Amino acid sequence: MATQNTNESKFNDMTYEEAVTKLSELISVLEKGEGSFDELMEVYKEAFEYYTYCSEYLNSAGEKMRELNSKIASLQNPLED
């Protein structure tokens, strides 16, 4: 759980766009394959944290959009009355 709290605090003040940029940078490091196996494993772990954050962020945003769409659909058009 300590790792989760650390991860949460890492992303507290980060925008989605910043997280995607960082994830892209980490993926570039992995694609180059430079460094020791242990170093690359650490980069992979960090990239997975950013991937998870971005994925959860998008899922949450999608849920909010579905809720708003549902509310909009339930409203009657005042011009029809």
PDB file of N, CA and C in Angstrom:
ATOM      1  N   MET A   1       0.805  -1.194   0.000  1.00  0.00           N
ATOM      2  CA  MET A   1       0.000   0.000   0.000  1.00  0.00           C
ATOM      3  C   MET A   1       0.846   1.255   0.000  1.00  0.00           C
ATOM      4  N   ALA A   2       2.009   1.233   0.565  1.00  0.00           N
ATOM      5  CA  ALA A   2       2.875   2.404   0.576  1.00  0.00           C
ATOM      6  C   ALA A   2       3.211   2.818  -0.848  1.00  0.00           C
ATOM      7  N   THR A   3       3.400   1.840  -1.719  1.00  0.00           N
ATOM      8  CA  THR A   3       3.689   2.146  -3.111  1.00  0.00           C
ATOM      9  C   THR A   3       2.503   2.857  -3.756  1.00  0.00           C
ATOM     10  N   GLN A   4       1.286   2.412  -3.442  1.00  0.00           N
ATOM     11  CA  GLN A   4       0.110   3.044  -4.020  1.00  0.00           C
ATOM     12  C   GLN A   4       0.007   4.495  -3.565  1.00  0.00           C
ATOM     13  N   ASN A   5       0.255   4.774  -2.280  1.00  0.00           N
ATOM     14  CA  ASN A   5       0.205   6.143  -1.793  1.00  0.00           C
ATOM     15  C   ASN A   5       1.261   7.002  -2.471  1.00  0.00           C
ATOM     16  N   THR A   6       2.444   6.453  -2.657  1.00  0.00           N
ATOM     17  CA  THR A   6       3.504   7.170  -3.347  1.00  0.00           C
ATOM     18  C   THR A   6       3.076   7.470  -4.779  1.00  0.00           C
ATOM     19  N   ASN A   7       2.491   6.482  -5.449  1.00  0.00           N
ATOM     20  CA  ASN A   7       2.033   6.679  -6.819  1.00  0.00           C
ATOM     21  C   ASN A   7       0.942   7.730  -6.882  1.00  0.00           C
ATOM     22  N   GLU A   8       0.001   7.674  -5.931  1.00  0.00           N
ATOM     23  CA  GLU A   8      -1.067   8.658  -5.912  1.00  0.00           C
ATOM     24  C   GLU A   8      -0.498  10.059  -5.763  1.00  0.00           C
ATOM     25  N   SER A   9       0.462  10.233  -4.853  1.00  0.00           N
ATOM     26  CA  SER A   9       1.027  11.564  -4.657  1.00  0.00           C
ATOM     27  C   SER A   9       1.830  12.006  -5.880  1.00  0.00           C
ATOM     28  N   LYS A  10       2.414  11.071  -6.600  1.00  0.00           N
ATOM     29  CA  LYS A  10       3.171  11.397  -7.814  1.00  0.00           C
ATOM     30  C   LYS A  10       2.251  12.030  -8.854  1.00  0.00           C
ATOM     31  N   PHE A  11       0.993  11.607  -8.885  1.00  0.00           N
ATOM     32  CA  PHE A  11       0.064  12.055  -9.911  1.00  0.00           C
ATOM     33  C   PHE A  11      -0.888  13.147  -9.437  1.00  0.00           C
ATOM     34  N   ASN A  12      -0.827  13.519  -8.144  1.00  0.00           N
ATOM     35  CA  ASN A  12      -1.780  14.494  -7.606  1.00  0.00           C
ATOM     36  C   ASN A  12      -1.824  15.795  -8.384  1.00  0.00           C
ATOM     37  N   ASP A  13      -0.697  16.378  -8.686  1.00  0.00           N
ATOM     38  CA  ASP A  13      -0.651  17.680  -9.344  1.00  0.00           C
ATOM     39  C   ASP A  13      -0.314  17.569 -10.831  1.00  0.00           C
ATOM     40  N   MET A  14      -0.498  16.387 -11.392  1.00  0.00           N
ATOM     41  CA  MET A  14      -0.115  16.158 -12.781  1.00  0.00           C
ATOM     42  C   MET A  14      -1.354  16.134 -13.664  1.00  0.00           C
ATOM     43  N   THR A  15      -1.271  16.825 -14.787  1.00  0.00           N
ATOM     44  CA  THR A  15      -2.365  16.768 -15.745  1.00  0.00           C
ATOM     45  C   THR A  15      -2.253  15.476 -16.556  1.00  0.00           C
ATOM     46  N   TYR A  16      -3.346  15.143 -17.201  1.00  0.00           N
ATOM     47  CA  TYR A  16      -3.350  13.971 -18.063  1.00  0.00           C
ATOM     48  C   TYR A  16      -2.305  14.114 -19.164  1.00  0.00           C
ATOM     49  N   GLU A  17      -2.226  15.311 -19.733  1.00  0.00           N
ATOM     50  CA  GLU A  17      -1.278  15.558 -20.818  1.00  0.00           C
ATOM     51  C   GLU A  17       0.165  15.379 -20.355  1.00  0.00           C
ATOM     52  N   GLU A  18       0.464  15.835 -19.147  1.00  0.00           N
ATOM     53  CA  GLU A  18       1.817  15.652 -18.594  1.00  0.00           C
ATOM     54  C   GLU A  18       2.128  14.178 -18.389  1.00  0.00           C
ATOM     55  N   ALA A  19       1.133  13.429 -17.927  1.00  0.00           N
ATOM     56  CA  ALA A  19       1.340  11.992 -17.716  1.00  0.00           C
ATOM     57  C   ALA A  19       1.574  11.270 -19.037  1.00  0.00           C
ATOM     58  N   VAL A  20       0.839  11.641 -20.061  1.00  0.00           N
ATOM     59  CA  VAL A  20       1.019  11.022 -21.381  1.00  0.00           C
ATOM     60  C   VAL A  20       2.401  11.348 -21.936  1.00  0.00           C
ATOM     61  N   THR A  21       2.836  12.584 -21.748  1.00  0.00           N
ATOM     62  CA  THR A  21       4.176  12.978 -22.203  1.00  0.00           C
ATOM     63  C   THR A  21       5.247  12.162 -21.501  1.00  0.00           C
ATOM     64  N   LYS A  22       5.120  12.010 -20.185  1.00  0.00           N
ATOM     65  CA  LYS A  22       6.093  11.225 -19.414  1.00  0.00           C
ATOM     66  C   LYS A  22       6.066   9.765 -19.857  1.00  0.00           C
ATOM     67  N   LEU A  23       4.880   9.229 -20.070  1.00  0.00           N
ATOM     68  CA  LEU A  23       4.756   7.847 -20.536  1.00  0.00           C
ATOM     69  C   LEU A  23       5.447   7.681 -21.883  1.00  0.00           C
ATOM     70  N   SER A  24       5.265   8.631 -22.775  1.00  0.00           N
ATOM     71  CA  SER A  24       5.923   8.569 -24.088  1.00  0.00           C
ATOM     72  C   SER A  24       7.438   8.585 -23.958  1.00  0.00           C
ATOM     73  N   GLU A  25       7.934   9.416 -23.041  1.00  0.00           N
ATOM     74  CA  GLU A  25       9.383   9.474 -22.808  1.00  0.00           C
ATOM     75  C   GLU A  25       9.908   8.137 -22.294  1.00  0.00           C
ATOM     76  N   LEU A  26       9.171   7.531 -21.377  1.00  0.00           N
ATOM     77  CA  LEU A  26       9.590   6.242 -20.823  1.00  0.00           C
ATOM     78  C   LEU A  26       9.557   5.151 -21.888  1.00  0.00           C
ATOM     79  N   ILE A  27       8.556   5.185 -22.732  1.00  0.00           N
ATOM     80  CA  ILE A  27       8.470   4.201 -23.817  1.00  0.00           C
ATOM     81  C   ILE A  27       9.650   4.360 -24.767  1.00  0.00           C
ATOM     82  N   SER A  28      10.046   5.595 -25.027  1.00  0.00           N
ATOM     83  CA  SER A  28      11.208   5.840 -25.895  1.00  0.00           C
ATOM     84  C   SER A  28      12.472   5.229 -25.301  1.00  0.00           C
ATOM     85  N   VAL A  29      12.635   5.365 -23.996  1.00  0.00           N
ATOM     86  CA  VAL A  29      13.797   4.772 -23.320  1.00  0.00           C
ATOM     87  C   VAL A  29      13.772   3.257 -23.500  1.00  0.00           C
ATOM     88  N   LEU A  30      12.596   2.662 -23.316  1.00  0.00           N
ATOM     89  CA  LEU A  30      12.477   1.210 -23.466  1.00  0.00           C
ATOM     90  C   LEU A  30      12.746   0.770 -24.900  1.00  0.00           C
ATOM     91  N   GLU A  31      12.275   1.548 -25.860  1.00  0.00           N
ATOM     92  CA  GLU A  31      12.485   1.194 -27.267  1.00  0.00           C
ATOM     93  C   GLU A  31      13.959   1.236 -27.643  1.00  0.00           C
ATOM     94  N   LYS A  32      14.696   2.175 -27.061  1.00  0.00           N
ATOM     95  CA  LYS A  32      16.133   2.261 -27.342  1.00  0.00           C
ATOM     96  C   LYS A  32      16.876   1.072 -26.737  1.00  0.00           C
ATOM     97  N   GLY A  33      16.370   0.588 -25.599  1.00  0.00           N
ATOM     98  CA  GLY A  33      16.964  -0.583 -24.960  1.00  0.00           C
ATOM     99  C   GLY A  33      18.333  -0.343 -24.369  1.00  0.00           C
ATOM    100  N   GLU A  34      18.667   0.910 -24.106  1.00  0.00           N
ATOM    101  CA  GLU A  34      19.967   1.220 -23.531  1.00  0.00           C
ATOM    102  C   GLU A  34      19.886   1.142 -22.016  1.00  0.00           C
ATOM    103  N   GLY A  35      20.904   0.595 -21.416  1.00  0.00           N
ATOM    104  CA  GLY A  35      20.947   0.439 -19.971  1.00  0.00           C
ATOM    105  C   GLY A  35      20.928  -1.022 -19.606  1.00  0.00           C
ATOM    106  N   SER A  36      21.135  -1.251 -18.336  1.00  0.00           N
ATOM    107  CA  SER A  36      21.147  -2.630 -17.855  1.00  0.00           C
ATOM    108  C   SER A  36      19.720  -3.161 -17.775  1.00  0.00           C
ATOM    109  N   PHE A  37      19.623  -4.456 -17.631  1.00  0.00           N
ATOM    110  CA  PHE A  37      18.313  -5.095 -17.500  1.00  0.00           C
ATOM    111  C   PHE A  37      17.569  -4.518 -16.301  1.00  0.00           C
ATOM    112  N   ASP A  38      18.253  -4.371 -15.170  1.00  0.00           N
ATOM    113  CA  ASP A  38      17.616  -3.846 -13.962  1.00  0.00           C
ATOM    114  C   ASP A  38      17.134  -2.406 -14.160  1.00  0.00           C
ATOM    115  N   GLU A  39      17.930  -1.601 -14.848  1.00  0.00           N
ATOM    116  CA  GLU A  39      17.523  -0.217 -15.114  1.00  0.00           C
ATOM    117  C   GLU A  39      16.277  -0.184 -16.007  1.00  0.00           C
ATOM    118  N   LEU A  40      16.277  -1.026 -17.021  1.00  0.00           N
ATOM    119  CA  LEU A  40      15.133  -1.077 -17.923  1.00  0.00           C
ATOM    120  C   LEU A  40      13.885  -1.606 -17.222  1.00  0.00           C
ATOM    121  N   MET A  41      14.064  -2.521 -16.285  1.00  0.00           N
ATOM    122  CA  MET A  41      12.926  -3.012 -15.508  1.00  0.00           C
ATOM    123  C   MET A  41      12.321  -1.893 -14.666  1.00  0.00           C
ATOM    124  N   GLU A  42      13.143  -1.039 -14.105  1.00  0.00           N
ATOM    125  CA  GLU A  42      12.642   0.100 -13.325  1.00  0.00           C
ATOM    126  C   GLU A  42      11.887   1.074 -14.219  1.00  0.00           C
ATOM    127  N   VAL A  43      12.416   1.311 -15.409  1.00  0.00           N
ATOM    128  CA  VAL A  43      11.735   2.183 -16.373  1.00  0.00           C
ATOM    129  C   VAL A  43      10.398   1.553 -16.758  1.00  0.00           C
ATOM    130  N   TYR A  44      10.391   0.245 -16.975  1.00  0.00           N
ATOM    131  CA  TYR A  44       9.160  -0.461 -17.328  1.00  0.00           C
ATOM    132  C   TYR A  44       8.123  -0.325 -16.214  1.00  0.00           C
ATOM    133  N   LYS A  45       8.564  -0.497 -14.970  1.00  0.00           N
ATOM    134  CA  LYS A  45       7.641  -0.366 -13.838  1.00  0.00           C
ATOM    135  C   LYS A  45       7.058   1.034 -13.769  1.00  0.00           C
ATOM    136  N   GLU A  46       7.889   2.036 -13.968  1.00  0.00           N
ATOM    137  CA  GLU A  46       7.406   3.413 -13.935  1.00  0.00           C
ATOM    138  C   GLU A  46       6.452   3.681 -15.101  1.00  0.00           C
ATOM    139  N   ALA A  47       6.791   3.164 -16.270  1.00  0.00           N
ATOM    140  CA  ALA A  47       5.912   3.334 -17.431  1.00  0.00           C
ATOM    141  C   ALA A  47       4.561   2.691 -17.169  1.00  0.00           C
ATOM    142  N   PHE A  48       4.562   1.544 -16.521  1.00  0.00           N
ATOM    143  CA  PHE A  48       3.298   0.869 -16.213  1.00  0.00           C
ATOM    144  C   PHE A  48       2.465   1.702 -15.246  1.00  0.00           C
ATOM    145  N   GLU A  49       3.111   2.379 -14.287  1.00  0.00           N
ATOM    146  CA  GLU A  49       2.389   3.265 -13.370  1.00  0.00           C
ATOM    147  C   GLU A  49       1.715   4.396 -14.145  1.00  0.00           C
ATOM    148  N   TYR A  50       2.445   4.990 -15.077  1.00  0.00           N
ATOM    149  CA  TYR A  50       1.884   6.076 -15.878  1.00  0.00           C
ATOM    150  C   TYR A  50       0.775   5.563 -16.789  1.00  0.00           C
ATOM    151  N   TYR A  51       0.974   4.388 -17.360  1.00  0.00           N
ATOM    152  CA  TYR A  51      -0.062   3.782 -18.200  1.00  0.00           C
ATOM    153  C   TYR A  51      -1.336   3.554 -17.383  1.00  0.00           C
ATOM    154  N   THR A  52      -1.187   3.017 -16.194  1.00  0.00           N
ATOM    155  CA  THR A  52      -2.327   2.748 -15.319  1.00  0.00           C
ATOM    156  C   THR A  52      -3.051   4.041 -14.965  1.00  0.00           C
ATOM    157  N   TYR A  53      -2.289   5.069 -14.609  1.00  0.00           N
ATOM    158  CA  TYR A  53      -2.887   6.367 -14.286  1.00  0.00           C
ATOM    159  C   TYR A  53      -3.680   6.902 -15.475  1.00  0.00           C
ATOM    160  N   CYS A  54      -3.072   6.890 -16.651  1.00  0.00           N
ATOM    161  CA  CYS A  54      -3.736   7.414 -17.847  1.00  0.00           C
ATOM    162  C   CYS A  54      -4.990   6.611 -18.181  1.00  0.00           C
ATOM    163  N   SER A  55      -4.903   5.311 -18.076  1.00  0.00           N
ATOM    164  CA  SER A  55      -6.040   4.445 -18.356  1.00  0.00           C
ATOM    165  C   SER A  55      -7.190   4.710 -17.385  1.00  0.00           C
ATOM    166  N   GLU A  56      -6.873   4.815 -16.094  1.00  0.00           N
ATOM    167  CA  GLU A  56      -7.899   5.094 -15.098  1.00  0.00           C
ATOM    168  C   GLU A  56      -8.497   6.481 -15.298  1.00  0.00           C
ATOM    169  N   TYR A  57      -7.669   7.437 -15.671  1.00  0.00           N
ATOM    170  CA  TYR A  57      -8.140   8.796 -15.935  1.00  0.00           C
ATOM    171  C   TYR A  57      -9.152   8.790 -17.087  1.00  0.00           C
ATOM    172  N   LEU A  58      -8.817   8.091 -18.166  1.00  0.00           N
ATOM    173  CA  LEU A  58      -9.717   8.027 -19.314  1.00  0.00           C
ATOM    174  C   LEU A  58     -11.003   7.281 -18.985  1.00  0.00           C
ATOM    175  N   ASN A  59     -10.896   6.212 -18.211  1.00  0.00           N
ATOM    176  CA  ASN A  59     -12.102   5.480 -17.798  1.00  0.00           C
ATOM    177  C   ASN A  59     -13.019   6.372 -16.975  1.00  0.00           C
ATOM    178  N   SER A  60     -12.435   7.140 -16.067  1.00  0.00           N
ATOM    179  CA  SER A  60     -13.208   8.057 -15.233  1.00  0.00           C
ATOM    180  C   SER A  60     -13.858   9.144 -16.080  1.00  0.00           C
ATOM    181  N   ALA A  61     -13.107   9.701 -17.005  1.00  0.00           N
ATOM    182  CA  ALA A  61     -13.650  10.732 -17.890  1.00  0.00           C
ATOM    183  C   ALA A  61     -14.783  10.158 -18.743  1.00  0.00           C
ATOM    184  N   GLY A  62     -14.625   8.955 -19.222  1.00  0.00           N
ATOM    185  CA  GLY A  62     -15.667   8.305 -20.016  1.00  0.00           C
ATOM    186  C   GLY A  62     -16.934   8.094 -19.209  1.00  0.00           C
ATOM    187  N   GLU A  63     -16.784   7.696 -17.969  1.00  0.00           N
ATOM    188  CA  GLU A  63     -17.941   7.496 -17.095  1.00  0.00           C
ATOM    189  C   GLU A  63     -18.663   8.825 -16.858  1.00  0.00           C
ATOM    190  N   LYS A  64     -17.913   9.885 -16.630  1.00  0.00           N
ATOM    191  CA  LYS A  64     -18.523  11.210 -16.448  1.00  0.00           C
ATOM    192  C   LYS A  64     -19.282  11.630 -17.701  1.00  0.00           C
ATOM    193  N   MET A  65     -18.721  11.358 -18.859  1.00  0.00           N
ATOM    194  CA  MET A  65     -19.387  11.709 -20.113  1.00  0.00           C
ATOM    195  C   MET A  65     -20.671  10.903 -20.293  1.00  0.00           C
ATOM    196  N   ARG A  66     -20.640   9.611 -19.948  1.00  0.00           N
ATOM    197  CA  ARG A  66     -21.846   8.789 -20.051  1.00  0.00           C
ATOM    198  C   ARG A  66     -22.936   9.315 -19.120  1.00  0.00           C
ATOM    199  N   GLU A  67     -22.538   9.718 -17.900  1.00  0.00           N
ATOM    200  CA  GLU A  67     -23.506  10.270 -16.951  1.00  0.00           C
ATOM    201  C   GLU A  67     -24.121  11.563 -17.491  1.00  0.00           C
ATOM    202  N   LEU A  68     -23.280  12.443 -18.034  1.00  0.00           N
ATOM    203  CA  LEU A  68     -23.792  13.698 -18.591  1.00  0.00           C
ATOM    204  C   LEU A  68     -24.706  13.445 -19.782  1.00  0.00           C
ATOM    205  N   ASN A  69     -24.312  12.527 -20.653  1.00  0.00           N
ATOM    206  CA  ASN A  69     -25.150  12.196 -21.805  1.00  0.00           C
ATOM    207  C   ASN A  69     -26.501  11.647 -21.366  1.00  0.00           C
ATOM    208  N   SER A  70     -26.484  10.843 -20.315  1.00  0.00           N
ATOM    209  CA  SER A  70     -27.726  10.295 -19.788  1.00  0.00           C
ATOM    210  C   SER A  70     -28.614  11.406 -19.232  1.00  0.00           C
ATOM    211  N   LYS A  71     -28.027  12.348 -18.523  1.00  0.00           N
ATOM    212  CA  LYS A  71     -28.797  13.476 -17.987  1.00  0.00           C
ATOM    213  C   LYS A  71     -29.356  14.330 -19.118  1.00  0.00           C
ATOM    214  N   ILE A  72     -28.546  14.575 -20.124  1.00  0.00           N
ATOM    215  CA  ILE A  72     -29.005  15.376 -21.268  1.00  0.00           C
ATOM    216  C   ILE A  72     -30.151  14.669 -21.976  1.00  0.00           C
ATOM    217  N   ALA A  73     -30.020  13.364 -22.167  1.00  0.00           N
ATOM    218  CA  ALA A  73     -31.060  12.606 -22.864  1.00  0.00           C
ATOM    219  C   ALA A  73     -32.365  12.596 -22.082  1.00  0.00           C
ATOM    220  N   SER A  74     -32.288  12.695 -20.762  1.00  0.00           N
ATOM    221  CA  SER A  74     -33.505  12.633 -19.961  1.00  0.00           C
ATOM    222  C   SER A  74     -34.241  13.975 -19.891  1.00  0.00           C
ATOM    223  N   LEU A  75     -33.583  15.034 -20.323  1.00  0.00           N
ATOM    224  CA  LEU A  75     -34.225  16.348 -20.332  1.00  0.00           C
ATOM    225  C   LEU A  75     -35.208  16.429 -21.500  1.00  0.00           C
ATOM    226  N   GLN A  76     -36.308  17.089 -21.234  1.00  0.00           N
ATOM    227  CA  GLN A  76     -37.258  17.308 -22.321  1.00  0.00           C
ATOM    228  C   GLN A  76     -36.848  18.559 -23.070  1.00  0.00           C
ATOM    229  N   ASN A  77     -37.067  18.556 -24.335  1.00  0.00           N
ATOM    230  CA  ASN A  77     -36.794  19.742 -25.150  1.00  0.00           C
ATOM    231  C   ASN A  77     -37.909  20.756 -24.880  1.00  0.00           C
ATOM    232  N   PRO A  78     -37.567  21.940 -24.328  1.00  0.00           N
ATOM    233  CA  PRO A  78     -38.605  22.911 -23.987  1.00  0.00           C
ATOM    234  C   PRO A  78     -39.362  23.435 -25.207  1.00  0.00           C
ATOM    235  N   LEU A  79     -38.796  23.308 -26.379  1.00  0.00           N
ATOM    236  CA  LEU A  79     -39.467  23.787 -27.578  1.00  0.00           C
ATOM    237  C   LEU A  79     -40.583  22.832 -28.046  1.00  0.00           C
ATOM    238  N   GLU A  80     -40.574  21.616 -27.560  1.00  0.00           N
ATOM    239  CA  GLU A  80     -41.587  20.626 -27.956  1.00  0.00           C
ATOM    240  C   GLU A  80     -42.897  20.848 -27.239  1.00  0.00           C
ATOM    241  N   ASP A  81     -42.909  21.512 -26.097  1.00  0.00           N
ATOM    242  CA  ASP A  81     -44.132  21.707 -25.312  1.00  0.00           C
ATOM    243  C   ASP A  81     -45.043  22.715 -25.880  1.00  0.00           C
TER     244      ASP A  81
END
